[in-house]
Structure formats: structure tokens, C-alpha cells
Amino acid sequence: MTRSGLTLINMSGAIGMIMIDQTVIGIAIPALQRSFDFGPLALQWVVNGYTLALAASLICAGWAGDRFGHYRSFAAGVALFTGSSLLCALAPVGEIFILARIGQGVGASLMQPAATAIVFGTFPPKERGKAMSIYVGSGLLFLAAGPLLGGILVERFSWHMVFLVNLPIGCATLLAALRLGREAPKGTEKPFDFMGATLLVSGIFFLTTAIQSLGDGGAVSLLSLALAAIGLGCLIALPFRKPGHGAPIIDFGNFRNKIYLGCGIVLFCIQFAMLGQVVFGAVFIQNVLAFSPFQTGLAMMPVVLAIILMAQVSGYLFDKVSFRLLAVSGTLAISLGFFSQALVLELGHILWMIPGMLLIGLGLGLLASTVTTEGLSQVPMTQRATASAILQTLRQTGGVFGIACIGSVINLIEKTRIEDIAQQLEPVADKRRELQLLLFQSEQSQAKATAQLKEHWPEALADLKQITAEAIAAGYYLGAAVVFLAAVISLWAFAKTKKDAAEESAS
């Protein structure tokens, strides 16, 4: 096999390891909750600790790739990710587990932009569309297959295996990278923008924490408003500050290119909805439909099959069809998929969900590689590692806000409806508080609380499943609306100007 082919396989394996860790955790959440006694807010940090660290560190990792070389940055990321996976599996308490998840996110942030830049630079322009289709398509395949793999590992072994499986893959990927990257050129010498990085990381962290606190508390508090104000202030200040030396952490000049800007927005919106679908969809199938972990992963396979199907042709379509048509078609398919699933969740049968899953998978398979390829084609080769990091930061930030926003909507609806059900079923105040507590505990997969409900308030269990379905449906409606917004933006961002048409005719 050629060196370029081996490089593509190695980078695809690395991106698969990153993606699978974002989704496999959804299947393992009930087991983790029992092991570490996590509450609702801690459970959100199990997911968002990883995704937030990944999103906040990607730009810094892009600089590291440009400064020290893509292969060096990639190898460091693989080592950190693999070591953090081992710490996750061996964590004695929940706090250490969440810290290890953050370590995984930082390691993934070093791997992802470097891997994208390596693949993009390895292949000539005529082969780039196909190579990027395989690379990004494999990542999405692992993203969607995460629940199935997680179900097998959790059901047959334990949740620890979800993280231990990364060890052999990580070691093999690291050895291959060290072998293939010996002749990698050294990067640029621009200094690091520490103040810009601080503003970026702080802005994402405080804004996400503010959104999560709304769902946990059920009301707008002074603390949540203060956190939101600090986060927004940091992000707003970022494009207006001038770094003392060298280039800023984010080159906002790239966003003057509306195609590059549009690609970033589309990636943000897709990941906003997709990560919510993978995590809360798995929760719905396990808690409401009463599927086992393995059955849950199997039930989500229509998304995987649709991604595989569309990934085979997306690279070809990218070279033959208007990108505007691809972007609008893909985002509309995803939006319609979420909307159709939200309509049928309360029916309580997996078969009604399959058409929506297929639409989501087809849209994801169509857009995953094409959006990234189109965005990177708008910047010079010397800036592609950082440009890739910016796009991936926007995408992962979409996932962070998706988990936070959709999770807050779900938590808020569940809390309100549980209080209403307790009020209806138990007029005595003390008994009502006991019922309300048991409903919250049962909703968090605590078997003892569920057993007590079966004994004293059996009718409340059916109501609890209905509440969960209603809450997750509301989250899906939100995801559908966000992706529909991406379709509208695509109509503007990817419209060809007269100048573009003239240049294409001349070429």
C-alpha cells in the first residue's frame, strides 16, 4: 500500500477514536450513574467535560500544529488521549473520572486539526475530495456506531471496557504516526496568543455553564446571568483585541470569505443537533422503550447505514454538483429527520423513528466531508491547520451548546411535569414530596426508587415515561430548528456571485 493510503487509514482510525468517545458515553451513562452516584448536573459534565475541553482547546492545538509540525502535534494528542482513557477506566471517584474526560478532550483537540491538515496535504487536488470523504465519513461512521459498540461492551463486560478499548488502538496509531511522520516539515514560528486563548476558553466555559444552570435550577438566577454575561463578554472581546506580538489565536480575516464562514456555521448547527440526538436518543430508547444497552445500539443502526450509503457518493457529488445544492439538501434532510422523530417519540415504538434516522444519516453522510473540504479550499495551504482548527472548534462548540441547550430544555420540562404529576397523585404534602423525590431518582435510573414506585405508585411510572418522551421530543424540535437555520444560511453563504461564475468559466 502507498504511503498516502497508510496515512489515510491511520488518520481515519484516529478520528474514529475521537468520534466514538463522544457517543459511546450515552450508552454507559446509567452504569456510570450507579458507579459514581452522579446527579443530573454531574451527568451533563460527563458528556460536556470531554466536548468542552475539545472545543476550547482546538484553536490552541491548531497553533501547535502550525508551530511544531502536524505529526508532532498529532502524536502528542494520541499519547494524552490514550493515557486519559486508561485513567477513565481506573478512576476511583467521579471527580477523577470527569478530570480524565477533560484530558481526553484536550488530547483529541491536538489530534483532530493535525489529522485533517495531514490528510488534506497528503493528496493532490483531484484526489482530495474522495480522500476527505473517506476520512470524515469514517469519523461520522464511528460517531454513529458508538452506541452499538458501547452497548456490546457495557452489556458483555462493563463500562470500564468503553475506555480500555482505546488503549490498543491508541498505541497502534501512535506507532504508525511516528513511523509515517519522520519526514514531516517543521511548522511556522509565530508566537502563541495567550490572551486570545484565555478569552476563547473562558467564553465557551462560562456560557455553557450558564446554560446548564438554567436547566438545573428551572429559573433564571443572578448566577446564571452573571456567568452568561462573562462568557458573552469574553467572546465579544475576542475579535476586537489586538495581540501584543504575532498573529491572533483566531484569524477573523478568514470569516470575510462568506463560504468559509458559512461552512463554520453549518458545522456548528449540525453538531448542535447531532450530539443531542446520539446522547438523548440513547437515553430515550433505554429508559422509555426499555431496550438493553446492546439493543439500544442496534436500534440506532439506521443512522449508521444511511451514513455509509451516502459517504460512498458524497465525494463524487462534491466534484460534480453545486456545493450550495449539497449544503441545502443535506441540512434540510437532517432538519426533517429530527422533526419527524419528535412527532413520533410519544408513540413509544422504535419503528416510527426509523424514517427520521434514515434522513439524518443521509444528510450527515452528504455534508460531513464536503463542508470541511469546501471550507479548507478557501484558505492558503500554510494556514490550513489553523483554519481546520477553527472549523472544528465551531463544530465541537455546536456540540457543547447542543448538549447544554437540549439538556436544559429536557431537564426543565421533566422537572416541571414531575412536580405536576406529584401534585395530581398525592394531595398530602409529605407524601407528595416523597413521590416527587422517587420520580426524580427513578428518572436517573436508580433501581431502588423504581421498585418503591412500583409498590406504592405504579401509575406514576407510566406517567414518567410519557414525561421523558415529551421532554426529549421538545429537545428534538430545538435541534430541527437549529439545522433548518443552517439550511437558510446555506442559501446565502454558498450562492455564487458573478465574479465566481466568471472565474469558473475562465478556468
Protein backbone atom coordinates (compact mmCIF):
# COMPACT_ATOMS: atom_id res chain seq x y z
CA MET A 1 0.00 0.00 0.00
CA THR A 2 1.18 3.53 -0.75
CA ARG A 3 2.35 5.94 1.94
CA SER A 4 -0.67 8.17 1.29
CA GLY A 5 -3.03 5.22 1.72
CA LEU A 6 -1.42 4.23 5.03
CA THR A 7 -1.63 7.83 6.19
CA LEU A 8 -5.34 7.96 5.35
CA ILE A 9 -6.00 4.73 7.26
CA ASN A 10 -4.07 5.96 10.30
CA MET A 11 -5.76 9.36 10.40
CA SER A 12 -9.19 7.78 9.84
CA GLY A 13 -8.58 5.46 12.79
CA ALA A 14 -7.60 8.42 14.94
CA ILE A 15 -10.66 10.47 14.03
CA GLY A 16 -12.81 7.40 14.65
CA MET A 17 -11.40 7.08 18.16
CA ILE A 18 -12.27 10.72 18.84
CA MET A 19 -15.79 10.50 17.46
CA ILE A 20 -16.70 7.25 19.14
CA ASP A 21 -15.83 8.65 22.57
CA GLN A 22 -18.39 11.42 22.09
CA THR A 23 -21.28 9.00 21.57
CA VAL A 24 -20.39 5.75 23.32
CA ILE A 25 -20.76 7.55 26.64
CA GLY A 26 -24.54 7.84 26.13
CA ILE A 27 -24.98 4.08 26.48
CA ALA A 28 -22.72 3.94 29.54
CA ILE A 29 -24.43 6.79 31.45
CA PRO A 30 -26.80 4.60 33.55
CA ALA A 31 -23.91 2.35 34.59
CA LEU A 32 -21.71 5.36 35.39
CA GLN A 33 -24.52 6.87 37.42
CA ARG A 34 -24.75 3.74 39.54
CA SER A 35 -20.97 3.52 39.99
CA PHE A 36 -20.31 7.17 40.91
CA ASP A 37 -23.75 8.30 42.16
CA PHE A 38 -23.85 11.15 39.62
CA GLY A 39 -26.67 13.71 39.78
CA PRO A 40 -28.23 15.38 36.69
CA LEU A 41 -25.69 18.23 36.51
CA ALA A 42 -22.71 15.92 37.03
CA LEU A 43 -24.02 13.69 34.24
CA GLN A 44 -24.02 16.64 31.85
CA TRP A 45 -20.38 17.26 32.73
CA VAL A 46 -19.57 13.62 31.95
CA VAL A 47 -20.52 14.44 28.35
CA ASN A 48 -19.61 18.11 28.18
CA GLY A 49 -16.34 17.81 30.12
CA TYR A 50 -14.93 15.99 27.10
CA THR A 51 -16.66 18.05 24.42
CA LEU A 52 -15.99 21.41 26.10
CA ALA A 53 -12.28 20.64 26.54
CA LEU A 54 -12.14 19.55 22.91
CA ALA A 55 -13.89 22.67 21.62
CA ALA A 56 -11.95 25.11 23.81
CA SER A 57 -8.54 23.60 23.01
CA LEU A 58 -8.84 23.10 19.26
CA ILE A 59 -7.62 26.57 18.29
CA CYS A 60 -4.62 26.24 20.59
CA ALA A 61 -3.96 22.84 19.05
CA GLY A 62 -4.14 24.36 15.58
CA TRP A 63 -1.36 26.76 16.55
CA ALA A 64 0.67 23.82 17.91
CA GLY A 65 0.30 22.02 14.59
CA ASP A 66 1.48 25.07 12.64
CA ARG A 67 4.29 25.79 15.10
CA PHE A 68 5.77 22.34 15.81
CA GLY A 69 4.55 20.32 12.83
CA HIS A 70 1.37 18.37 12.26
CA TYR A 71 2.80 14.94 13.05
CA ARG A 72 4.38 16.09 16.32
CA SER A 73 1.11 17.64 17.47
CA PHE A 74 -0.81 14.56 16.38
CA ALA A 75 1.50 12.16 18.24
CA ALA A 76 1.29 14.22 21.46
CA GLY A 77 -2.50 14.20 21.23
CA VAL A 78 -2.69 10.44 20.74
CA ALA A 79 -0.46 9.86 23.78
CA LEU A 80 -2.55 12.16 26.00
CA PHE A 81 -5.86 10.73 24.77
CA THR A 82 -4.75 7.14 25.33
CA GLY A 83 -3.38 7.86 28.81
CA SER A 84 -6.56 9.70 29.80
CA SER A 85 -8.67 6.78 28.57
CA LEU A 86 -6.76 4.50 30.93
CA LEU A 87 -7.37 6.94 33.80
CA CYS A 88 -11.11 6.99 33.00
CA ALA A 89 -11.25 3.21 33.31
CA LEU A 90 -9.33 3.19 36.60
CA ALA A 91 -10.92 6.30 38.21
CA PRO A 92 -11.88 5.57 41.85
CA VAL A 93 -14.27 8.55 42.21
CA GLY A 94 -16.45 10.64 39.92
CA GLU A 95 -14.33 13.78 40.16
CA ILE A 96 -11.25 12.00 38.82
CA PHE A 97 -13.36 10.43 36.08
CA ILE A 98 -14.57 13.85 34.89
CA LEU A 99 -10.99 15.22 35.01
CA ALA A 100 -9.86 12.26 32.89
CA ARG A 101 -12.65 13.03 30.40
CA ILE A 102 -11.30 16.58 30.17
CA GLY A 103 -7.84 15.11 29.49
CA GLN A 104 -9.35 13.04 26.68
CA GLY A 105 -10.83 16.20 25.20
CA VAL A 106 -7.51 18.05 25.24
CA GLY A 107 -5.77 15.07 23.64
CA ALA A 108 -8.45 14.86 20.97
CA SER A 109 -8.03 18.58 20.27
CA LEU A 110 -4.35 18.03 19.46
CA MET A 111 -5.16 15.11 17.18
CA GLN A 112 -8.08 16.44 15.16
CA PRO A 113 -6.82 19.58 13.33
CA ALA A 114 -3.42 17.98 12.74
CA ALA A 115 -5.01 14.84 11.27
CA THR A 116 -7.25 16.90 8.98
CA ALA A 117 -4.32 19.00 7.75
CA ILE A 118 -2.21 15.86 7.19
CA VAL A 119 -4.90 14.19 5.05
CA PHE A 120 -5.62 17.41 3.16
CA GLY A 121 -1.93 17.95 2.38
CA THR A 122 -1.14 14.33 1.51
CA PHE A 123 -3.42 14.06 -1.53
CA PRO A 124 -3.40 16.14 -4.74
CA PRO A 125 -6.46 18.31 -5.51
CA LYS A 126 -8.01 15.76 -7.89
CA GLU A 127 -8.00 13.05 -5.20
CA ARG A 128 -8.69 15.30 -2.23
CA GLY A 129 -12.49 15.15 -2.36
CA LYS A 130 -12.51 11.35 -2.25
CA ALA A 131 -9.83 11.18 0.46
CA MET A 132 -11.61 13.71 2.67
CA SER A 133 -14.86 11.84 2.11
CA ILE A 134 -13.29 8.63 3.43
CA TYR A 135 -11.58 10.44 6.31
CA VAL A 136 -14.56 12.44 7.57
CA GLY A 137 -17.04 9.72 6.63
CA SER A 138 -15.17 7.20 8.78
CA GLY A 139 -15.34 9.64 11.68
CA LEU A 140 -19.09 10.02 11.30
CA LEU A 141 -19.45 6.27 10.98
CA PHE A 142 -17.73 5.79 14.33
CA LEU A 143 -19.78 8.66 15.78
CA ALA A 144 -22.99 6.88 14.85
CA ALA A 145 -21.66 3.39 15.68
CA GLY A 146 -20.63 4.47 19.18
CA PRO A 147 -23.93 3.44 20.80
CA LEU A 148 -23.75 -0.07 19.27
CA LEU A 149 -20.16 -0.62 20.37
CA GLY A 150 -20.96 0.86 23.77
CA GLY A 151 -23.94 -1.46 24.14
CA ILE A 152 -21.82 -4.53 23.42
CA LEU A 153 -19.04 -3.50 25.80
CA VAL A 154 -21.31 -2.41 28.67
CA GLU A 155 -23.65 -5.41 28.40
CA ARG A 156 -20.99 -8.10 27.89
CA PHE A 157 -18.26 -6.65 30.12
CA SER A 158 -18.61 -3.32 32.00
CA TRP A 159 -18.44 0.41 31.37
CA HIS A 160 -14.68 0.26 32.02
CA MET A 161 -14.19 -1.51 28.67
CA VAL A 162 -15.62 1.53 26.87
CA PHE A 163 -12.36 3.29 27.72
CA LEU A 164 -9.92 0.37 27.82
CA VAL A 165 -10.68 -0.40 24.17
CA ASN A 166 -8.87 2.84 23.26
CA LEU A 167 -5.54 1.53 24.54
CA PRO A 168 -4.59 -0.87 21.71
CA ILE A 169 -5.99 1.48 19.06
CA GLY A 170 -4.15 4.46 20.52
CA CYS A 171 -0.84 2.61 20.78
CA ALA A 172 -1.06 1.35 17.19
CA THR A 173 -2.00 4.82 15.92
CA LEU A 174 0.90 6.43 17.81
CA LEU A 175 3.46 3.97 16.45
CA ALA A 176 2.20 4.44 12.89
CA ALA A 177 2.28 8.23 13.24
CA LEU A 178 5.87 8.18 14.49
CA ARG A 179 6.81 5.99 11.53
CA LEU A 180 4.96 7.97 8.85
CA GLY A 181 5.82 11.40 10.21
CA ARG A 182 9.60 11.30 10.18
CA GLU A 183 9.85 13.49 7.11
CA ALA A 184 7.15 15.98 8.15
CA PRO A 185 8.24 19.61 7.63
CA LYS A 186 8.58 21.95 10.59
CA GLY A 187 5.83 24.47 11.13
CA THR A 188 5.85 28.26 11.32
CA GLU A 189 7.42 30.35 14.10
CA LYS A 190 4.51 32.60 15.09
CA PRO A 191 4.17 33.14 18.89
CA PHE A 192 1.19 31.93 20.86
CA ASP A 193 -1.65 34.36 21.68
CA PHE A 194 -2.19 33.54 25.37
CA MET A 195 -4.72 36.32 25.99
CA GLY A 196 -6.80 35.33 22.98
CA ALA A 197 -6.77 31.68 24.08
CA THR A 198 -7.85 32.69 27.59
CA LEU A 199 -10.77 34.73 26.26
CA LEU A 200 -11.87 31.89 23.98
CA VAL A 201 -11.71 29.14 26.60
CA SER A 202 -13.31 31.31 29.29
CA GLY A 203 -16.10 32.45 26.98
CA ILE A 204 -17.12 28.93 25.96
CA PHE A 205 -16.85 27.61 29.53
CA PHE A 206 -18.86 30.34 31.27
CA LEU A 207 -21.57 30.47 28.61
CA THR A 208 -22.01 26.68 28.67
CA THR A 209 -22.14 26.63 32.47
CA ALA A 210 -24.79 29.36 32.42
CA ILE A 211 -26.98 27.38 30.01
CA GLN A 212 -26.64 24.20 32.06
CA SER A 213 -27.54 26.03 35.28
CA LEU A 214 -30.84 27.15 33.72
CA GLY A 215 -31.94 23.56 33.18
CA ASP A 216 -30.77 22.51 36.63
CA GLY A 217 -32.42 25.33 38.54
CA GLY A 218 -35.52 25.86 36.45
CA ALA A 219 -35.27 29.65 36.69
CA VAL A 220 -33.01 32.50 35.64
CA SER A 221 -30.79 33.22 38.65
CA LEU A 222 -28.32 36.01 39.23
CA LEU A 223 -25.51 33.45 39.00
CA SER A 224 -26.61 32.16 35.58
CA LEU A 225 -26.99 35.73 34.29
CA ALA A 226 -23.53 36.65 35.59
CA LEU A 227 -21.95 33.57 34.01
CA ALA A 228 -23.68 34.28 30.70
CA ALA A 229 -22.55 37.92 30.78
CA ILE A 230 -18.93 36.94 31.48
CA GLY A 231 -18.97 34.32 28.72
CA LEU A 232 -20.51 36.63 26.14
CA GLY A 233 -18.15 39.43 27.15
CA CYS A 234 -15.11 37.22 26.60
CA LEU A 235 -16.30 36.05 23.19
CA ILE A 236 -17.34 39.54 22.05
CA ALA A 237 -13.97 40.98 23.12
CA LEU A 238 -12.04 38.35 21.15
CA PRO A 239 -12.25 39.88 17.64
CA PHE A 240 -11.66 43.45 18.89
CA ARG A 241 -8.48 42.94 20.89
CA LYS A 242 -5.02 43.30 19.35
CA PRO A 243 -2.38 40.73 20.35
CA GLY A 244 0.89 42.20 21.51
CA HIS A 245 3.05 40.05 19.26
CA GLY A 246 2.42 37.77 16.32
CA ALA A 247 -0.92 36.59 14.98
CA PRO A 248 -4.19 36.37 16.98
CA ILE A 249 -5.45 32.97 18.14
CA ILE A 250 -8.28 33.25 15.58
CA ASP A 251 -7.73 34.95 12.25
CA PHE A 252 -11.11 36.61 11.82
CA GLY A 253 -9.99 37.71 8.37
CA ASN A 254 -10.92 34.23 7.13
CA PHE A 255 -14.53 34.95 8.03
CA ARG A 256 -14.63 37.72 5.42
CA ASN A 257 -14.90 34.83 2.99
CA LYS A 258 -18.60 34.04 3.29
CA ILE A 259 -18.12 30.46 2.05
CA TYR A 260 -15.67 29.72 4.87
CA LEU A 261 -17.99 31.46 7.35
CA GLY A 262 -20.97 29.51 6.05
CA CYS A 263 -19.10 26.21 6.41
CA GLY A 264 -18.35 27.01 10.05
CA ILE A 265 -21.98 27.87 10.79
CA VAL A 266 -23.27 24.72 9.09
CA LEU A 267 -20.85 22.52 11.06
CA PHE A 268 -21.91 24.25 14.31
CA CYS A 269 -25.61 23.69 13.66
CA ILE A 270 -25.24 20.06 12.57
CA GLN A 271 -23.22 19.11 15.64
CA PHE A 272 -25.64 21.04 17.89
CA ALA A 273 -28.43 18.68 16.88
CA MET A 274 -26.40 15.52 16.23
CA LEU A 275 -24.76 15.17 19.63
CA GLY A 276 -28.09 15.77 21.32
CA GLN A 277 -29.62 13.03 19.14
CA VAL A 278 -26.92 10.50 19.95
CA VAL A 279 -26.90 11.08 23.72
CA PHE A 280 -30.58 11.72 24.46
CA GLY A 281 -31.76 9.32 21.76
CA ALA A 282 -29.88 6.53 23.52
CA VAL A 283 -31.40 7.60 26.85
CA PHE A 284 -34.92 7.54 25.34
CA ILE A 285 -34.52 4.07 23.86
CA GLN A 286 -33.15 2.63 27.12
CA ASN A 287 -35.38 4.41 29.64
CA VAL A 288 -38.67 4.69 27.74
CA LEU A 289 -38.61 1.74 25.34
CA ALA A 290 -36.80 -0.44 27.94
CA PHE A 291 -34.16 -1.70 25.49
CA SER A 292 -30.92 -3.24 26.76
CA PRO A 293 -27.64 -1.42 26.01
CA PHE A 294 -26.91 -3.72 23.06
CA GLN A 295 -30.47 -3.45 21.73
CA THR A 296 -30.21 0.33 22.01
CA GLY A 297 -27.08 0.41 19.89
CA LEU A 298 -28.70 -1.91 17.35
CA ALA A 299 -31.82 0.27 17.22
CA MET A 300 -29.71 3.28 16.18
CA MET A 301 -28.10 1.44 13.25
CA PRO A 302 -30.34 3.05 10.56
CA VAL A 303 -28.31 6.24 11.04
CA VAL A 304 -25.08 4.28 10.51
CA LEU A 305 -26.33 2.53 7.38
CA ALA A 306 -27.52 5.79 5.83
CA ILE A 307 -24.14 7.44 6.53
CA ILE A 308 -22.31 4.52 4.91
CA LEU A 309 -24.55 4.72 1.84
CA MET A 310 -24.22 8.47 1.32
CA ALA A 311 -20.48 8.54 2.12
CA GLN A 312 -19.90 6.41 -0.98
CA VAL A 313 -21.22 9.13 -3.28
CA SER A 314 -20.67 12.41 -1.41
CA GLY A 315 -17.10 12.84 -2.70
CA TYR A 316 -18.27 12.26 -6.28
CA LEU A 317 -21.17 14.68 -5.87
CA PHE A 318 -18.84 17.30 -4.41
CA ASP A 319 -16.80 17.29 -7.63
CA LYS A 320 -19.86 17.31 -9.92
CA VAL A 321 -22.69 19.25 -8.25
CA SER A 322 -23.07 22.78 -6.88
CA PHE A 323 -21.97 22.88 -3.25
CA ARG A 324 -24.91 25.14 -2.47
CA LEU A 325 -27.28 22.38 -3.59
CA LEU A 326 -25.45 19.81 -1.44
CA ALA A 327 -25.49 22.04 1.64
CA VAL A 328 -29.17 22.96 1.40
CA SER A 329 -30.25 19.38 0.62
CA GLY A 330 -28.22 17.89 3.46
CA THR A 331 -29.31 20.36 6.13
CA LEU A 332 -32.97 20.08 5.12
CA ALA A 333 -32.77 16.28 5.31
CA ILE A 334 -31.27 16.43 8.82
CA SER A 335 -33.80 19.01 10.00
CA LEU A 336 -36.71 16.99 8.63
CA GLY A 337 -35.29 13.86 10.28
CA PHE A 338 -35.25 15.47 13.71
CA PHE A 339 -38.70 16.98 13.21
CA SER A 340 -40.23 13.66 12.14
CA GLN A 341 -38.68 11.84 15.12
CA ALA A 342 -40.00 14.46 17.54
CA LEU A 343 -43.51 13.91 16.17
CA VAL A 344 -43.49 10.16 16.86
CA LEU A 345 -41.50 9.80 20.11
CA GLU A 346 -44.63 9.78 22.25
CA LEU A 347 -45.99 6.81 20.25
CA GLY A 348 -43.36 4.71 22.01
CA HIS A 349 -42.28 2.40 19.16
CA ILE A 350 -38.89 2.21 17.50
CA LEU A 351 -40.29 1.54 14.01
CA TRP A 352 -41.82 5.03 13.84
CA MET A 353 -38.36 6.52 14.47
CA ILE A 354 -36.58 4.77 11.59
CA PRO A 355 -37.58 7.19 8.75
CA GLY A 356 -36.22 10.12 10.74
CA MET A 357 -33.00 8.23 11.50
CA LEU A 358 -32.51 7.49 7.80
CA LEU A 359 -32.99 11.14 6.85
CA ILE A 360 -30.48 12.25 9.49
CA GLY A 361 -27.92 9.69 8.31
CA LEU A 362 -28.32 10.63 4.64
CA GLY A 363 -27.87 14.32 5.43
CA LEU A 364 -24.83 13.70 7.63
CA GLY A 365 -23.18 11.44 5.07
CA LEU A 366 -23.72 14.06 2.37
CA LEU A 367 -22.33 17.02 4.33
CA ALA A 368 -19.64 15.76 6.69
CA SER A 369 -16.69 15.68 4.32
CA THR A 370 -17.95 18.16 1.73
CA VAL A 371 -18.39 21.05 4.18
CA THR A 372 -14.89 20.64 5.62
CA THR A 373 -13.31 20.28 2.17
CA GLU A 374 -15.12 23.34 0.82
CA GLY A 375 -14.12 25.42 3.83
CA LEU A 376 -10.43 24.49 3.71
CA SER A 377 -10.28 25.14 -0.03
CA GLN A 378 -10.91 28.83 0.74
CA VAL A 379 -7.62 29.37 2.66
CA PRO A 380 -3.91 29.13 1.70
CA MET A 381 -2.04 25.88 2.36
CA THR A 382 0.13 27.49 5.08
CA GLN A 383 -2.97 28.38 7.14
CA ARG A 384 -4.91 25.15 6.77
CA ALA A 385 -4.03 23.63 10.15
CA THR A 386 -5.31 26.70 11.97
CA ALA A 387 -8.24 27.10 9.56
CA SER A 388 -9.15 23.45 10.14
CA ALA A 389 -8.92 24.01 13.90
CA ILE A 390 -11.31 26.97 13.65
CA LEU A 391 -13.86 24.92 11.71
CA GLN A 392 -13.57 22.02 14.15
CA THR A 393 -13.82 24.42 17.11
CA LEU A 394 -17.08 25.75 15.71
CA ARG A 395 -18.34 22.21 15.16
CA GLN A 396 -17.41 20.99 18.64
CA THR A 397 -18.73 24.19 20.22
CA GLY A 398 -22.01 23.39 18.50
CA GLY A 399 -21.97 20.02 20.24
CA VAL A 400 -21.23 21.65 23.61
CA PHE A 401 -24.10 24.11 23.25
CA GLY A 402 -26.33 21.37 21.85
CA ILE A 403 -25.86 19.18 24.92
CA ALA A 404 -26.26 22.21 27.20
CA CYS A 405 -29.34 23.69 25.47
CA ILE A 406 -31.15 20.45 24.65
CA GLY A 407 -30.23 19.04 28.06
CA SER A 408 -31.54 22.16 29.80
CA VAL A 409 -34.82 22.01 27.86
CA ILE A 410 -35.25 18.33 28.75
CA ASN A 411 -34.36 18.83 32.43
CA LEU A 412 -36.66 21.83 32.76
CA ILE A 413 -39.66 20.06 31.19
CA GLU A 414 -39.08 16.90 33.23
CA LYS A 415 -38.80 18.85 36.47
CA THR A 416 -41.98 20.84 35.80
CA ARG A 417 -44.00 17.80 34.70
CA ILE A 418 -42.82 15.64 37.62
CA GLU A 419 -43.96 18.33 40.04
CA ASP A 420 -47.35 18.41 38.29
CA ILE A 421 -47.73 14.61 38.42
CA ALA A 422 -46.83 14.50 42.11
CA GLN A 423 -49.40 17.23 42.79
CA GLN A 424 -52.11 15.24 40.99
CA LEU A 425 -51.37 11.83 42.53
CA GLU A 426 -50.63 12.76 46.13
CA PRO A 427 -52.58 15.53 47.92
CA VAL A 428 -50.71 15.08 51.24
CA ALA A 429 -47.66 17.36 51.31
CA ASP A 430 -45.19 14.92 52.91
CA LYS A 431 -46.24 12.06 50.64
CA ARG A 432 -46.12 14.37 47.63
CA ARG A 433 -42.51 15.34 48.38
CA GLU A 434 -41.61 11.66 48.78
CA LEU A 435 -43.26 10.79 45.46
CA GLN A 436 -41.54 13.67 43.72
CA LEU A 437 -38.13 12.58 45.04
CA LEU A 438 -38.73 8.97 43.95
CA LEU A 439 -39.75 10.12 40.47
CA PHE A 440 -36.55 12.14 40.11
CA GLN A 441 -34.46 9.22 41.35
CA SER A 442 -36.21 6.72 39.08
CA GLU A 443 -35.72 9.04 36.11
CA GLN A 444 -32.00 8.92 36.94
CA SER A 445 -32.03 5.09 36.64
CA GLN A 446 -31.99 4.33 40.37
CA ALA A 447 -33.46 0.84 40.68
CA LYS A 448 -34.44 1.18 44.36
CA ALA A 449 -36.60 4.22 43.63
CA THR A 450 -38.25 2.44 40.69
CA ALA A 451 -39.09 -0.55 42.92
CA GLN A 452 -40.72 1.73 45.51
CA LEU A 453 -42.79 3.42 42.82
CA LYS A 454 -43.99 0.03 41.54
CA GLU A 455 -45.10 -0.87 45.04
CA HIS A 456 -46.78 2.38 46.13
CA TRP A 457 -47.46 4.49 42.98
CA PRO A 458 -47.44 2.13 39.95
CA GLU A 459 -49.40 4.60 37.82
CA ALA A 460 -46.60 7.15 38.24
CA LEU A 461 -44.13 5.00 36.27
CA ALA A 462 -46.23 5.18 33.10
CA ASP A 463 -46.53 8.93 33.57
CA LEU A 464 -42.75 9.17 34.00
CA LYS A 465 -42.11 7.50 30.63
CA GLN A 466 -44.55 9.87 28.97
CA ILE A 467 -42.80 12.84 30.58
CA THR A 468 -39.40 11.66 29.31
CA ALA A 469 -40.78 11.23 25.78
CA GLU A 470 -42.33 14.72 25.80
CA ALA A 471 -39.14 16.32 27.10
CA ILE A 472 -36.83 14.64 24.56
CA ALA A 473 -39.28 15.47 21.76
CA ALA A 474 -39.00 19.14 22.73
CA GLY A 475 -35.22 18.82 22.52
CA TYR A 476 -35.52 17.30 19.05
CA TYR A 477 -37.73 20.18 17.89
CA LEU A 478 -34.99 22.55 19.01
CA GLY A 479 -32.38 20.55 17.09
CA ALA A 480 -34.57 20.57 13.96
CA ALA A 481 -34.97 24.36 14.17
CA VAL A 482 -31.22 24.95 14.52
CA VAL A 483 -30.36 22.78 11.49
CA PHE A 484 -33.15 24.43 9.46
CA LEU A 485 -31.44 27.74 10.23
CA ALA A 486 -28.27 26.25 8.71
CA ALA A 487 -30.22 25.48 5.52
CA VAL A 488 -31.37 29.10 5.29
CA ILE A 489 -27.83 30.38 5.86
CA SER A 490 -26.54 27.99 3.17
CA LEU A 491 -28.75 29.68 0.59
CA TRP A 492 -26.93 32.94 1.29
CA ALA A 493 -23.39 31.79 2.06
CA PHE A 494 -22.90 29.44 -0.88
CA ALA A 495 -24.60 31.49 -3.59
CA LYS A 496 -22.25 32.17 -6.49
CA THR A 497 -21.50 35.77 -7.38
CA LYS A 498 -20.99 36.99 -10.94
CA LYS A 499 -17.26 37.15 -10.21
CA ASP A 500 -17.21 33.49 -9.14
CA ALA A 501 -19.08 32.43 -12.27
CA ALA A 502 -16.69 34.40 -14.49
CA GLU A 503 -13.64 32.80 -12.83
CA GLU A 504 -15.11 29.30 -13.29
CA SER A 505 -15.82 29.99 -16.96
CA ALA A 506 -12.26 31.25 -17.48
CA SER A 507 -10.78 28.16 -15.84
